[in-house]
């Protein structure tokens, strides 16, 4: 029997809007190294950011795919400065770490709409 199809997390708006929102969250996370957002967005951001860091780790190696990986990161983030920071500053910290680059702390509900808030940060 085939597996049941799963829906991805949906934050409203079109798929393009969601992709851009996740890219902006990832760029903000790289810039500040910790951000406060809703718990659902933090949980959705974690696999995306970890894949970007893994790709940046592979881009620090000296091989023919280095430029390709940097361009893939740049294509997703759309920000040249954050790409440079990720490849040159953030990724070298995690060379010996096999994964689990992010940590999520639950902060409790937001006062305005009672949305569960979380802090996501680089380990």
PDB file of N, CA and C in Angstrom:
ATOM      1  N   UNK A   1       0.837  -1.172   0.000  1.00  0.00           N
ATOM      2  CA  UNK A   1       0.000   0.000   0.000  1.00  0.00           C
ATOM      3  C   UNK A   1       0.892   1.250   0.000  1.00  0.00           C
ATOM      4  N   UNK A   2       0.623   2.243  -0.870  1.00  0.00           N
ATOM      5  CA  UNK A   2       1.465   3.437  -0.912  1.00  0.00           C
ATOM      6  C   UNK A   2       1.272   4.289   0.345  1.00  0.00           C
ATOM      7  N   UNK A   3       2.297   5.053   0.640  1.00  0.00           N
ATOM      8  CA  UNK A   3       2.243   5.917   1.815  1.00  0.00           C
ATOM      9  C   UNK A   3       1.258   7.057   1.592  1.00  0.00           C
ATOM     10  N   UNK A   4       0.719   7.562   2.684  1.00  0.00           N
ATOM     11  CA  UNK A   4      -0.207   8.685   2.615  1.00  0.00           C
ATOM     12  C   UNK A   4       0.575   9.956   2.297  1.00  0.00           C
ATOM     13  N   UNK A   5       0.140  10.725   1.312  1.00  0.00           N
ATOM     14  CA  UNK A   5       0.840  11.978   1.017  1.00  0.00           C
ATOM     15  C   UNK A   5       0.744  12.940   2.204  1.00  0.00           C
ATOM     16  N   UNK A   6       1.799  13.669   2.430  1.00  0.00           N
ATOM     17  CA  UNK A   6       1.820  14.619   3.536  1.00  0.00           C
ATOM     18  C   UNK A   6       1.856  16.036   2.997  1.00  0.00           C
ATOM     19  N   UNK A   7       1.167  16.906   3.695  1.00  0.00           N
ATOM     20  CA  UNK A   7       1.212  18.309   3.323  1.00  0.00           C
ATOM     21  C   UNK A   7       2.307  19.000   4.111  1.00  0.00           C
ATOM     22  N   UNK A   8       2.973  19.911   3.485  1.00  0.00           N
ATOM     23  CA  UNK A   8       3.989  20.697   4.171  1.00  0.00           C
ATOM     24  C   UNK A   8       3.302  21.749   5.037  1.00  0.00           C
ATOM     25  N   UNK A   9       4.072  22.380   5.891  1.00  0.00           N
ATOM     26  CA  UNK A   9       3.505  23.445   6.720  1.00  0.00           C
ATOM     27  C   UNK A   9       3.043  24.586   5.831  1.00  0.00           C
ATOM     28  N   UNK A  10       1.885  25.125   6.141  1.00  0.00           N
ATOM     29  CA  UNK A  10       1.285  26.165   5.315  1.00  0.00           C
ATOM     30  C   UNK A  10       1.110  27.418   6.162  1.00  0.00           C
ATOM     31  N   UNK A  11       1.705  28.520   5.733  1.00  0.00           N
ATOM     32  CA  UNK A  11       1.641  29.767   6.483  1.00  0.00           C
ATOM     33  C   UNK A  11       0.803  30.820   5.777  1.00  0.00           C
ATOM     34  N   UNK A  12      -0.055  30.413   4.871  1.00  0.00           N
ATOM     35  CA  UNK A  12      -0.889  31.366   4.151  1.00  0.00           C
ATOM     36  C   UNK A  12      -0.132  31.970   2.981  1.00  0.00           C
ATOM     37  N   UNK A  13      -0.864  32.444   2.024  1.00  0.00           N
ATOM     38  CA  UNK A  13      -0.228  33.016   0.848  1.00  0.00           C
ATOM     39  C   UNK A  13       0.185  31.944  -0.129  1.00  0.00           C
ATOM     40  N   UNK A  14       0.813  32.363  -1.186  1.00  0.00           N
ATOM     41  CA  UNK A  14       1.216  31.434  -2.239  1.00  0.00           C
ATOM     42  C   UNK A  14       2.498  30.705  -1.861  1.00  0.00           C
ATOM     43  N   UNK A  15       2.849  29.710  -2.647  1.00  0.00           N
ATOM     44  CA  UNK A  15       4.079  28.966  -2.384  1.00  0.00           C
ATOM     45  C   UNK A  15       5.309  29.859  -2.582  1.00  0.00           C
ATOM     46  N   UNK A  16       5.238  30.792  -3.527  1.00  0.00           N
ATOM     47  CA  UNK A  16       6.353  31.712  -3.733  1.00  0.00           C
ATOM     48  C   UNK A  16       6.549  32.596  -2.499  1.00  0.00           C
ATOM     49  N   UNK A  17       5.432  33.048  -1.920  1.00  0.00           N
ATOM     50  CA  UNK A  17       5.505  33.884  -0.717  1.00  0.00           C
ATOM     51  C   UNK A  17       6.131  33.103   0.436  1.00  0.00           C
ATOM     52  N   UNK A  18       5.758  31.847   0.587  1.00  0.00           N
ATOM     53  CA  UNK A  18       6.302  31.037   1.668  1.00  0.00           C
ATOM     54  C   UNK A  18       7.792  30.787   1.475  1.00  0.00           C
ATOM     55  N   UNK A  19       8.210  30.548   0.230  1.00  0.00           N
ATOM     56  CA  UNK A  19       9.627  30.325  -0.049  1.00  0.00           C
ATOM     57  C   UNK A  19      10.446  31.567   0.266  1.00  0.00           C
ATOM     58  N   UNK A  20       9.937  32.732  -0.131  1.00  0.00           N
ATOM     59  CA  UNK A  20      10.632  33.988   0.147  1.00  0.00           C
ATOM     60  C   UNK A  20      10.657  34.268   1.640  1.00  0.00           C
ATOM     61  N   UNK A  21       9.557  33.963   2.345  1.00  0.00           N
ATOM     62  CA  UNK A  21       9.507  34.174   3.789  1.00  0.00           C
ATOM     63  C   UNK A  21      10.550  33.302   4.497  1.00  0.00           C
ATOM     64  N   UNK A  22      10.668  32.036   4.096  1.00  0.00           N
ATOM     65  CA  UNK A  22      11.656  31.146   4.701  1.00  0.00           C
ATOM     66  C   UNK A  22      13.081  31.603   4.365  1.00  0.00           C
ATOM     67  N   UNK A  23      13.295  32.093   3.145  1.00  0.00           N
ATOM     68  CA  UNK A  23      14.614  32.605   2.764  1.00  0.00           C
ATOM     69  C   UNK A  23      14.975  33.833   3.596  1.00  0.00           C
ATOM     70  N   UNK A  24      14.005  34.718   3.826  1.00  0.00           N
ATOM     71  CA  UNK A  24      14.252  35.901   4.653  1.00  0.00           C
ATOM     72  C   UNK A  24      14.520  35.524   6.103  1.00  0.00           C
ATOM     73  N   UNK A  25      13.782  34.544   6.626  1.00  0.00           N
ATOM     74  CA  UNK A  25      14.027  34.077   7.988  1.00  0.00           C
ATOM     75  C   UNK A  25      15.429  33.464   8.096  1.00  0.00           C
ATOM     76  N   UNK A  26      15.820  32.680   7.093  1.00  0.00           N
ATOM     77  CA  UNK A  26      17.152  32.070   7.097  1.00  0.00           C
ATOM     78  C   UNK A  26      18.239  33.141   7.032  1.00  0.00           C
ATOM     79  N   UNK A  27      18.043  34.164   6.197  1.00  0.00           N
ATOM     80  CA  UNK A  27      19.023  35.248   6.096  1.00  0.00           C
ATOM     81  C   UNK A  27      19.115  36.018   7.408  1.00  0.00           C
ATOM     82  N   UNK A  28      17.973  36.251   8.059  1.00  0.00           N
ATOM     83  CA  UNK A  28      17.978  36.934   9.350  1.00  0.00           C
ATOM     84  C   UNK A  28      18.671  36.099  10.416  1.00  0.00           C
ATOM     85  N   UNK A  29      18.450  34.795  10.374  1.00  0.00           N
ATOM     86  CA  UNK A  29      19.101  33.893  11.325  1.00  0.00           C
ATOM     87  C   UNK A  29      20.609  33.910  11.144  1.00  0.00           C
ATOM     88  N   UNK A  30      21.063  33.927   9.914  1.00  0.00           N
ATOM     89  CA  UNK A  30      22.499  33.962   9.641  1.00  0.00           C
ATOM     90  C   UNK A  30      23.088  35.303  10.081  1.00  0.00           C
ATOM     91  N   UNK A  31      22.349  36.390   9.841  1.00  0.00           N
ATOM     92  CA  UNK A  31      22.849  37.718  10.181  1.00  0.00           C
ATOM     93  C   UNK A  31      22.963  37.907  11.692  1.00  0.00           C
ATOM     94  N   UNK A  32      21.897  37.554  12.435  1.00  0.00           N
ATOM     95  CA  UNK A  32      21.867  37.803  13.872  1.00  0.00           C
ATOM     96  C   UNK A  32      22.302  36.590  14.688  1.00  0.00           C
ATOM     97  N   UNK A  33      22.339  35.412  14.074  1.00  0.00           N
ATOM     98  CA  UNK A  33      22.672  34.140  14.704  1.00  0.00           C
ATOM     99  C   UNK A  33      21.648  33.689  15.736  1.00  0.00           C
ATOM    100  N   UNK A  34      20.571  34.449  15.920  1.00  0.00           N
ATOM    101  CA  UNK A  34      19.448  34.038  16.764  1.00  0.00           C
ATOM    102  C   UNK A  34      18.287  34.970  16.463  1.00  0.00           C
ATOM    103  N   UNK A  35      17.093  34.410  16.275  1.00  0.00           N
ATOM    104  CA  UNK A  35      15.910  35.231  16.041  1.00  0.00           C
ATOM    105  C   UNK A  35      14.751  34.692  16.874  1.00  0.00           C
ATOM    106  N   UNK A  36      13.783  35.567  17.129  1.00  0.00           N
ATOM    107  CA  UNK A  36      12.560  35.176  17.824  1.00  0.00           C
ATOM    108  C   UNK A  36      11.437  35.208  16.804  1.00  0.00           C
ATOM    109  N   UNK A  37      10.724  34.107  16.678  1.00  0.00           N
ATOM    110  CA  UNK A  37       9.628  33.990  15.725  1.00  0.00           C
ATOM    111  C   UNK A  37       8.605  33.033  16.320  1.00  0.00           C
ATOM    112  N   UNK A  38       7.552  32.743  15.566  1.00  0.00           N
ATOM    113  CA  UNK A  38       6.569  31.800  16.075  1.00  0.00           C
ATOM    114  C   UNK A  38       7.167  30.392  16.071  1.00  0.00           C
ATOM    115  N   UNK A  39       6.626  29.557  16.920  1.00  0.00           N
ATOM    116  CA  UNK A  39       7.145  28.196  17.052  1.00  0.00           C
ATOM    117  C   UNK A  39       7.006  27.408  15.746  1.00  0.00           C
ATOM    118  N   UNK A  40       5.886  27.595  15.053  1.00  0.00           N
ATOM    119  CA  UNK A  40       5.666  26.872  13.798  1.00  0.00           C
ATOM    120  C   UNK A  40       6.677  27.294  12.735  1.00  0.00           C
ATOM    121  N   UNK A  41       6.962  28.591  12.645  1.00  0.00           N
ATOM    122  CA  UNK A  41       7.946  29.059  11.663  1.00  0.00           C
ATOM    123  C   UNK A  41       9.346  28.587  12.029  1.00  0.00           C
ATOM    124  N   UNK A  42       9.657  28.553  13.316  1.00  0.00           N
ATOM    125  CA  UNK A  42      10.971  28.081  13.747  1.00  0.00           C
ATOM    126  C   UNK A  42      11.149  26.608  13.393  1.00  0.00           C
ATOM    127  N   UNK A  43      10.107  25.808  13.607  1.00  0.00           N
ATOM    128  CA  UNK A  43      10.196  24.381  13.282  1.00  0.00           C
ATOM    129  C   UNK A  43      10.289  24.157  11.780  1.00  0.00           C
ATOM    130  N   UNK A  44       9.653  25.023  10.993  1.00  0.00           N
ATOM    131  CA  UNK A  44       9.742  24.903   9.539  1.00  0.00           C
ATOM    132  C   UNK A  44      11.087  25.400   9.025  1.00  0.00           C
ATOM    133  N   UNK A  45      11.681  26.356   9.724  1.00  0.00           N
ATOM    134  CA  UNK A  45      12.959  26.936   9.298  1.00  0.00           C
ATOM    135  C   UNK A  45      14.130  26.012   9.573  1.00  0.00           C
ATOM    136  N   UNK A  46      14.047  25.212  10.626  1.00  0.00           N
ATOM    137  CA  UNK A  46      15.182  24.381  11.033  1.00  0.00           C
ATOM    138  C   UNK A  46      15.737  23.497   9.905  1.00  0.00           C
ATOM    139  N   UNK A  47      14.932  22.672   9.226  1.00  0.00           N
ATOM    140  CA  UNK A  47      15.535  21.829   8.175  1.00  0.00           C
ATOM    141  C   UNK A  47      16.111  22.634   7.014  1.00  0.00           C
ATOM    142  N   UNK A  48      15.497  23.759   6.697  1.00  0.00           N
ATOM    143  CA  UNK A  48      16.000  24.590   5.604  1.00  0.00           C
ATOM    144  C   UNK A  48      17.367  25.160   5.957  1.00  0.00           C
ATOM    145  N   UNK A  49      17.478  25.746   7.151  1.00  0.00           N
ATOM    146  CA  UNK A  49      18.735  26.360   7.573  1.00  0.00           C
ATOM    147  C   UNK A  49      19.834  25.315   7.749  1.00  0.00           C
ATOM    148  N   UNK A  50      19.478  24.139   8.260  1.00  0.00           N
ATOM    149  CA  UNK A  50      20.492  23.105   8.440  1.00  0.00           C
ATOM    150  C   UNK A  50      21.017  22.609   7.101  1.00  0.00           C
ATOM    151  N   UNK A  51      20.147  22.510   6.104  1.00  0.00           N
ATOM    152  CA  UNK A  51      20.606  22.116   4.773  1.00  0.00           C
ATOM    153  C   UNK A  51      21.511  23.187   4.164  1.00  0.00           C
ATOM    154  N   UNK A  52      21.193  24.463   4.410  1.00  0.00           N
ATOM    155  CA  UNK A  52      22.052  25.536   3.909  1.00  0.00           C
ATOM    156  C   UNK A  52      23.428  25.484   4.569  1.00  0.00           C
ATOM    157  N   UNK A  53      23.466  25.225   5.873  1.00  0.00           N
ATOM    158  CA  UNK A  53      24.747  25.155   6.576  1.00  0.00           C
ATOM    159  C   UNK A  53      25.551  23.958   6.080  1.00  0.00           C
ATOM    160  N   UNK A  54      24.892  22.816   5.858  1.00  0.00           N
ATOM    161  CA  UNK A  54      25.587  21.640   5.339  1.00  0.00           C
ATOM    162  C   UNK A  54      26.157  21.922   3.958  1.00  0.00           C
ATOM    163  N   UNK A  55      25.379  22.597   3.129  1.00  0.00           N
ATOM    164  CA  UNK A  55      25.861  22.947   1.787  1.00  0.00           C
ATOM    165  C   UNK A  55      27.048  23.917   1.881  1.00  0.00           C
ATOM    166  N   UNK A  56      26.984  24.851   2.836  1.00  0.00           N
ATOM    167  CA  UNK A  56      28.091  25.788   3.029  1.00  0.00           C
ATOM    168  C   UNK A  56      29.329  25.073   3.551  1.00  0.00           C
ATOM    169  N   UNK A  57      29.144  24.062   4.407  1.00  0.00           N
ATOM    170  CA  UNK A  57      30.279  23.272   4.876  1.00  0.00           C
ATOM    171  C   UNK A  57      30.971  22.584   3.705  1.00  0.00           C
ATOM    172  N   UNK A  58      30.188  22.029   2.795  1.00  0.00           N
ATOM    173  CA  UNK A  58      30.760  21.369   1.630  1.00  0.00           C
ATOM    174  C   UNK A  58      31.413  22.376   0.694  1.00  0.00           C
ATOM    175  N   UNK A  59      30.944  23.621   0.720  1.00  0.00           N
ATOM    176  CA  UNK A  59      31.519  24.661  -0.131  1.00  0.00           C
ATOM    177  C   UNK A  59      32.856  25.161   0.406  1.00  0.00           C
ATOM    178  N   UNK A  60      33.148  24.879   1.681  1.00  0.00           N
ATOM    179  CA  UNK A  60      34.451  25.296   2.217  1.00  0.00           C
ATOM    180  C   UNK A  60      35.565  24.374   1.749  1.00  0.00           C
ATOM    181  N   UNK A  61      35.200  23.146   1.323  1.00  0.00           N
ATOM    182  CA  UNK A  61      36.198  22.226   0.792  1.00  0.00           C
ATOM    183  C   UNK A  61      36.667  22.718  -0.581  1.00  0.00           C
ATOM    184  N   UNK A  62      37.876  22.354  -0.944  1.00  0.00           N
ATOM    185  CA  UNK A  62      38.418  22.787  -2.227  1.00  0.00           C
ATOM    186  C   UNK A  62      38.171  21.681  -3.254  1.00  0.00           C
ATOM    187  N   UNK A  63      37.032  21.788  -3.943  1.00  0.00           N
ATOM    188  CA  UNK A  63      36.698  20.810  -4.982  1.00  0.00           C
ATOM    189  C   UNK A  63      35.986  21.530  -6.124  1.00  0.00           C
ATOM    190  N   UNK A  64      35.783  20.859  -7.242  1.00  0.00           N
ATOM    191  CA  UNK A  64      35.166  21.526  -8.397  1.00  0.00           C
ATOM    192  C   UNK A  64      33.720  21.980  -8.161  1.00  0.00           C
ATOM    193  N   UNK A  65      33.028  21.393  -7.161  1.00  0.00           N
ATOM    194  CA  UNK A  65      31.632  21.752  -6.897  1.00  0.00           C
ATOM    195  C   UNK A  65      31.492  22.955  -5.980  1.00  0.00           C
ATOM    196  N   UNK A  66      32.578  23.545  -5.529  1.00  0.00           N
ATOM    197  CA  UNK A  66      32.535  24.646  -4.558  1.00  0.00           C
ATOM    198  C   UNK A  66      31.713  25.822  -5.062  1.00  0.00           C
ATOM    199  N   UNK A  67      32.001  26.283  -6.256  1.00  0.00           N
ATOM    200  CA  UNK A  67      31.300  27.453  -6.803  1.00  0.00           C
ATOM    201  C   UNK A  67      29.830  27.131  -7.024  1.00  0.00           C
ATOM    202  N   UNK A  68      29.542  25.921  -7.465  1.00  0.00           N
ATOM    203  CA  UNK A  68      28.157  25.504  -7.674  1.00  0.00           C
ATOM    204  C   UNK A  68      27.368  25.560  -6.366  1.00  0.00           C
ATOM    205  N   UNK A  69      27.961  25.069  -5.284  1.00  0.00           N
ATOM    206  CA  UNK A  69      27.268  25.074  -3.987  1.00  0.00           C
ATOM    207  C   UNK A  69      27.057  26.495  -3.486  1.00  0.00           C
ATOM    208  N   UNK A  70      28.040  27.355  -3.670  1.00  0.00           N
ATOM    209  CA  UNK A  70      27.890  28.753  -3.254  1.00  0.00           C
ATOM    210  C   UNK A  70      26.769  29.409  -4.054  1.00  0.00           C
ATOM    211  N   UNK A  71      26.695  29.112  -5.342  1.00  0.00           N
ATOM    212  CA  UNK A  71      25.633  29.691  -6.164  1.00  0.00           C
ATOM    213  C   UNK A  71      24.265  29.142  -5.779  1.00  0.00           C
ATOM    214  N   UNK A  72      24.190  27.878  -5.347  1.00  0.00           N
ATOM    215  CA  UNK A  72      22.922  27.326  -4.875  1.00  0.00           C
ATOM    216  C   UNK A  72      22.460  28.055  -3.617  1.00  0.00           C
ATOM    217  N   UNK A  73      23.386  28.305  -2.690  1.00  0.00           N
ATOM    218  CA  UNK A  73      23.043  29.042  -1.469  1.00  0.00           C
ATOM    219  C   UNK A  73      22.591  30.443  -1.826  1.00  0.00           C
ATOM    220  N   UNK A  74      23.347  31.101  -2.708  1.00  0.00           N
ATOM    221  CA  UNK A  74      23.000  32.463  -3.139  1.00  0.00           C
ATOM    222  C   UNK A  74      21.639  32.499  -3.821  1.00  0.00           C
ATOM    223  N   UNK A  75      21.345  31.484  -4.613  1.00  0.00           N
ATOM    224  CA  UNK A  75      20.063  31.420  -5.298  1.00  0.00           C
ATOM    225  C   UNK A  75      18.903  31.288  -4.339  1.00  0.00           C
ATOM    226  N   UNK A  76      19.108  30.580  -3.237  1.00  0.00           N
ATOM    227  CA  UNK A  76      18.028  30.444  -2.262  1.00  0.00           C
ATOM    228  C   UNK A  76      17.899  31.695  -1.403  1.00  0.00           C
ATOM    229  N   UNK A  77      19.029  32.170  -0.843  1.00  0.00           N
ATOM    230  CA  UNK A  77      18.971  33.322   0.056  1.00  0.00           C
ATOM    231  C   UNK A  77      18.715  34.630  -0.686  1.00  0.00           C
ATOM    232  N   UNK A  78      19.308  34.778  -1.865  1.00  0.00           N
ATOM    233  CA  UNK A  78      19.149  36.014  -2.618  1.00  0.00           C
ATOM    234  C   UNK A  78      19.923  37.177  -2.020  1.00  0.00           C
ATOM    235  N   UNK A  79      20.864  36.907  -1.134  1.00  0.00           N
ATOM    236  CA  UNK A  79      21.631  37.955  -0.468  1.00  0.00           C
ATOM    237  C   UNK A  79      23.106  37.575  -0.488  1.00  0.00           C
ATOM    238  N   UNK A  80      23.881  38.344  -1.198  1.00  0.00           N
ATOM    239  CA  UNK A  80      25.294  38.032  -1.383  1.00  0.00           C
ATOM    240  C   UNK A  80      26.084  38.134  -0.070  1.00  0.00           C
ATOM    241  N   UNK A  81      25.751  39.131   0.759  1.00  0.00           N
ATOM    242  CA  UNK A  81      26.479  39.306   2.019  1.00  0.00           C
ATOM    243  C   UNK A  81      26.221  38.160   2.986  1.00  0.00           C
ATOM    244  N   UNK A  82      24.953  37.718   3.063  1.00  0.00           N
ATOM    245  CA  UNK A  82      24.629  36.612   3.970  1.00  0.00           C
ATOM    246  C   UNK A  82      25.228  35.294   3.466  1.00  0.00           C
ATOM    247  N   UNK A  83      25.311  35.147   2.149  1.00  0.00           N
ATOM    248  CA  UNK A  83      25.959  33.960   1.586  1.00  0.00           C
ATOM    249  C   UNK A  83      27.434  33.947   1.968  1.00  0.00           C
ATOM    250  N   UNK A  84      28.089  35.095   1.839  1.00  0.00           N
ATOM    251  CA  UNK A  84      29.507  35.188   2.194  1.00  0.00           C
ATOM    252  C   UNK A  84      29.713  34.919   3.681  1.00  0.00           C
ATOM    253  N   UNK A  85      28.836  35.463   4.524  1.00  0.00           N
ATOM    254  CA  UNK A  85      28.959  35.235   5.961  1.00  0.00           C
ATOM    255  C   UNK A  85      28.758  33.760   6.291  1.00  0.00           C
ATOM    256  N   UNK A  86      27.772  33.139   5.649  1.00  0.00           N
ATOM    257  CA  UNK A  86      27.500  31.728   5.906  1.00  0.00           C
ATOM    258  C   UNK A  86      28.687  30.856   5.515  1.00  0.00           C
ATOM    259  N   UNK A  87      29.257  31.097   4.344  1.00  0.00           N
ATOM    260  CA  UNK A  87      30.344  30.254   3.852  1.00  0.00           C
ATOM    261  C   UNK A  87      31.662  30.549   4.575  1.00  0.00           C
ATOM    262  N   UNK A  88      31.936  31.829   4.863  1.00  0.00           N
ATOM    263  CA  UNK A  88      33.247  32.196   5.411  1.00  0.00           C
ATOM    264  C   UNK A  88      33.320  32.199   6.936  1.00  0.00           C
ATOM    265  N   UNK A  89      32.197  32.464   7.624  1.00  0.00           N
ATOM    266  CA  UNK A  89      32.241  32.591   9.079  1.00  0.00           C
ATOM    267  C   UNK A  89      31.482  31.485   9.801  1.00  0.00           C
ATOM    268  N   UNK A  90      30.263  31.193   9.359  1.00  0.00           N
ATOM    269  CA  UNK A  90      29.410  30.257  10.093  1.00  0.00           C
ATOM    270  C   UNK A  90      29.795  28.807   9.819  1.00  0.00           C
ATOM    271  N   UNK A  91      29.914  28.427   8.572  1.00  0.00           N
ATOM    272  CA  UNK A  91      30.177  27.024   8.216  1.00  0.00           C
ATOM    273  C   UNK A  91      31.485  26.483   8.791  1.00  0.00           C
ATOM    274  N   UNK A  92      32.595  27.241   8.799  1.00  0.00           N
ATOM    275  CA  UNK A  92      33.834  26.683   9.365  1.00  0.00           C
ATOM    276  C   UNK A  92      33.720  26.296  10.843  1.00  0.00           C
ATOM    277  N   UNK A  93      32.773  26.903  11.579  1.00  0.00           N
ATOM    278  CA  UNK A  93      32.583  26.545  12.986  1.00  0.00           C
ATOM    279  C   UNK A  93      32.066  25.121  13.151  1.00  0.00           C
ATOM    280  N   UNK A  94      31.359  24.629  12.131  1.00  0.00           N
ATOM    281  CA  UNK A  94      30.677  23.351  12.244  1.00  0.00           C
ATOM    282  C   UNK A  94      31.333  22.245  11.426  1.00  0.00           C
ATOM    283  N   UNK A  95      32.584  22.405  11.052  1.00  0.00           N
ATOM    284  CA  UNK A  95      33.267  21.400  10.234  1.00  0.00           C
ATOM    285  C   UNK A  95      33.276  20.038  10.934  1.00  0.00           C
ATOM    286  N   UNK A  96      33.538  20.006  12.232  1.00  0.00           N
ATOM    287  CA  UNK A  96      33.612  18.747  12.974  1.00  0.00           C
ATOM    288  C   UNK A  96      32.246  18.238  13.434  1.00  0.00           C
ATOM    289  N   UNK A  97      31.203  19.048  13.305  1.00  0.00           N
ATOM    290  CA  UNK A  97      29.871  18.671  13.801  1.00  0.00           C
ATOM    291  C   UNK A  97      29.083  17.987  12.693  1.00  0.00           C
ATOM    292  N   UNK A  98      28.521  16.800  12.931  1.00  0.00           N
ATOM    293  CA  UNK A  98      27.826  16.069  11.872  1.00  0.00           C
ATOM    294  C   UNK A  98      26.404  16.557  11.586  1.00  0.00           C
ATOM    295  N   UNK A  99      25.882  17.468  12.352  1.00  0.00           N
ATOM    296  CA  UNK A  99      24.530  17.973  12.136  1.00  0.00           C
ATOM    297  C   UNK A  99      24.025  18.601  13.415  1.00  0.00           C
ATOM    298  N   UNK A 100      22.775  19.036  13.429  1.00  0.00           N
ATOM    299  CA  UNK A 100      22.197  19.640  14.623  1.00  0.00           C
ATOM    300  C   UNK A 100      22.813  20.991  14.911  1.00  0.00           C
ATOM    301  N   UNK A 101      22.756  21.898  13.928  1.00  0.00           N
ATOM    302  CA  UNK A 101      23.405  23.196  14.065  1.00  0.00           C
ATOM    303  C   UNK A 101      22.515  24.231  14.753  1.00  0.00           C
ATOM    304  N   UNK A 102      21.235  23.930  14.895  1.00  0.00           N
ATOM    305  CA  UNK A 102      20.285  24.903  15.435  1.00  0.00           C
ATOM    306  C   UNK A 102      19.634  24.389  16.705  1.00  0.00           C
ATOM    307  N   UNK A 103      19.213  25.325  17.542  1.00  0.00           N
ATOM    308  CA  UNK A 103      18.511  24.997  18.769  1.00  0.00           C
ATOM    309  C   UNK A 103      17.267  25.872  18.854  1.00  0.00           C
ATOM    310  N   UNK A 104      16.159  25.287  19.277  1.00  0.00           N
ATOM    311  CA  UNK A 104      14.903  26.021  19.415  1.00  0.00           C
ATOM    312  C   UNK A 104      14.508  26.046  20.887  1.00  0.00           C
ATOM    313  N   UNK A 105      14.311  27.257  21.426  1.00  0.00           N
ATOM    314  CA  UNK A 105      13.801  27.436  22.779  1.00  0.00           C
ATOM    315  C   UNK A 105      12.365  27.935  22.691  1.00  0.00           C
ATOM    316  N   UNK A 106      11.465  27.325  23.440  1.00  0.00           N
ATOM    317  CA  UNK A 106      10.081  27.789  23.475  1.00  0.00           C
ATOM    318  C   UNK A 106       9.972  28.896  24.507  1.00  0.00           C
ATOM    319  N   UNK A 107       9.327  29.998  24.105  1.00  0.00           N
ATOM    320  CA  UNK A 107       9.260  31.180  24.967  1.00  0.00           C
ATOM    321  C   UNK A 107       7.886  31.417  25.592  1.00  0.00           C
ATOM    322  N   UNK A 108       6.865  30.749  25.100  1.00  0.00           N
ATOM    323  CA  UNK A 108       5.518  30.986  25.618  1.00  0.00           C
ATOM    324  C   UNK A 108       4.703  31.823  24.655  1.00  0.00           C
ATOM    325  N   UNK A 109       3.471  32.150  25.032  1.00  0.00           N
ATOM    326  CA  UNK A 109       2.576  32.851  24.106  1.00  0.00           C
ATOM    327  C   UNK A 109       2.899  34.335  23.949  1.00  0.00           C
ATOM    328  N   UNK A 110       2.601  34.851  22.758  1.00  0.00           N
ATOM    329  CA  UNK A 110       2.745  36.276  22.464  1.00  0.00           C
ATOM    330  C   UNK A 110       1.532  36.992  23.028  1.00  0.00           C
ATOM    331  N   UNK A 111       1.703  38.211  23.526  1.00  0.00           N
ATOM    332  CA  UNK A 111       0.607  38.922  24.183  1.00  0.00           C
ATOM    333  C   UNK A 111      -0.517  39.319  23.235  1.00  0.00           C
ATOM    334  N   UNK A 112      -0.179  39.669  22.003  1.00  0.00           N
ATOM    335  CA  UNK A 112      -1.205  40.172  21.094  1.00  0.00           C
ATOM    336  C   UNK A 112      -2.209  39.130  20.643  1.00  0.00           C
ATOM    337  N   UNK A 113      -1.728  37.978  20.159  1.00  0.00           N
ATOM    338  CA  UNK A 113      -2.637  36.990  19.579  1.00  0.00           C
ATOM    339  C   UNK A 113      -2.463  35.602  20.190  1.00  0.00           C
ATOM    340  N   UNK A 114      -1.683  35.487  21.253  1.00  0.00           N
ATOM    341  CA  UNK A 114      -1.493  34.233  21.973  1.00  0.00           C
ATOM    342  C   UNK A 114      -0.782  33.166  21.137  1.00  0.00           C
ATOM    343  N   UNK A 115      -0.035  33.597  20.116  1.00  0.00           N
ATOM    344  CA  UNK A 115       0.726  32.650  19.305  1.00  0.00           C
ATOM    345  C   UNK A 115       1.945  32.177  20.092  1.00  0.00           C
ATOM    346  N   UNK A 116       2.263  30.897  20.005  1.00  0.00           N
ATOM    347  CA  UNK A 116       3.415  30.346  20.708  1.00  0.00           C
ATOM    348  C   UNK A 116       4.697  30.868  20.051  1.00  0.00           C
ATOM    349  N   UNK A 117       5.571  31.452  20.852  1.00  0.00           N
ATOM    350  CA  UNK A 117       6.799  32.042  20.343  1.00  0.00           C
ATOM    351  C   UNK A 117       7.985  31.137  20.666  1.00  0.00           C
ATOM    352  N   UNK A 118       9.043  31.259  19.858  1.00  0.00           N
ATOM    353  CA  UNK A 118      10.248  30.457  20.051  1.00  0.00           C
ATOM    354  C   UNK A 118      11.463  31.270  19.612  1.00  0.00           C
ATOM    355  N   UNK A 119      12.590  30.942  20.200  1.00  0.00           N
ATOM    356  CA  UNK A 119      13.866  31.538  19.806  1.00  0.00           C
ATOM    357  C   UNK A 119      14.671  30.439  19.121  1.00  0.00           C
ATOM    358  N   UNK A 120      15.097  30.702  17.902  1.00  0.00           N
ATOM    359  CA  UNK A 120      15.917  29.740  17.174  1.00  0.00           C
ATOM    360  C   UNK A 120      17.309  30.357  17.021  1.00  0.00           C
ATOM    361  N   UNK A 121      18.310  29.561  17.371  1.00  0.00           N
ATOM    362  CA  UNK A 121      19.683  30.102  17.358  1.00  0.00           C
ATOM    363  C   UNK A 121      20.663  29.045  16.895  1.00  0.00           C
ATOM    364  N   UNK A 122      21.807  29.525  16.435  1.00  0.00           N
ATOM    365  CA  UNK A 122      22.900  28.638  16.047  1.00  0.00           C
ATOM    366  C   UNK A 122      23.552  28.104  17.306  1.00  0.00           C
ATOM    367  N   UNK A 123      23.889  26.816  17.303  1.00  0.00           N
ATOM    368  CA  UNK A 123      24.515  26.200  18.482  1.00  0.00           C
ATOM    369  C   UNK A 123      25.937  26.684  18.605  1.00  0.00           C
TER     370      UNK A 123
END
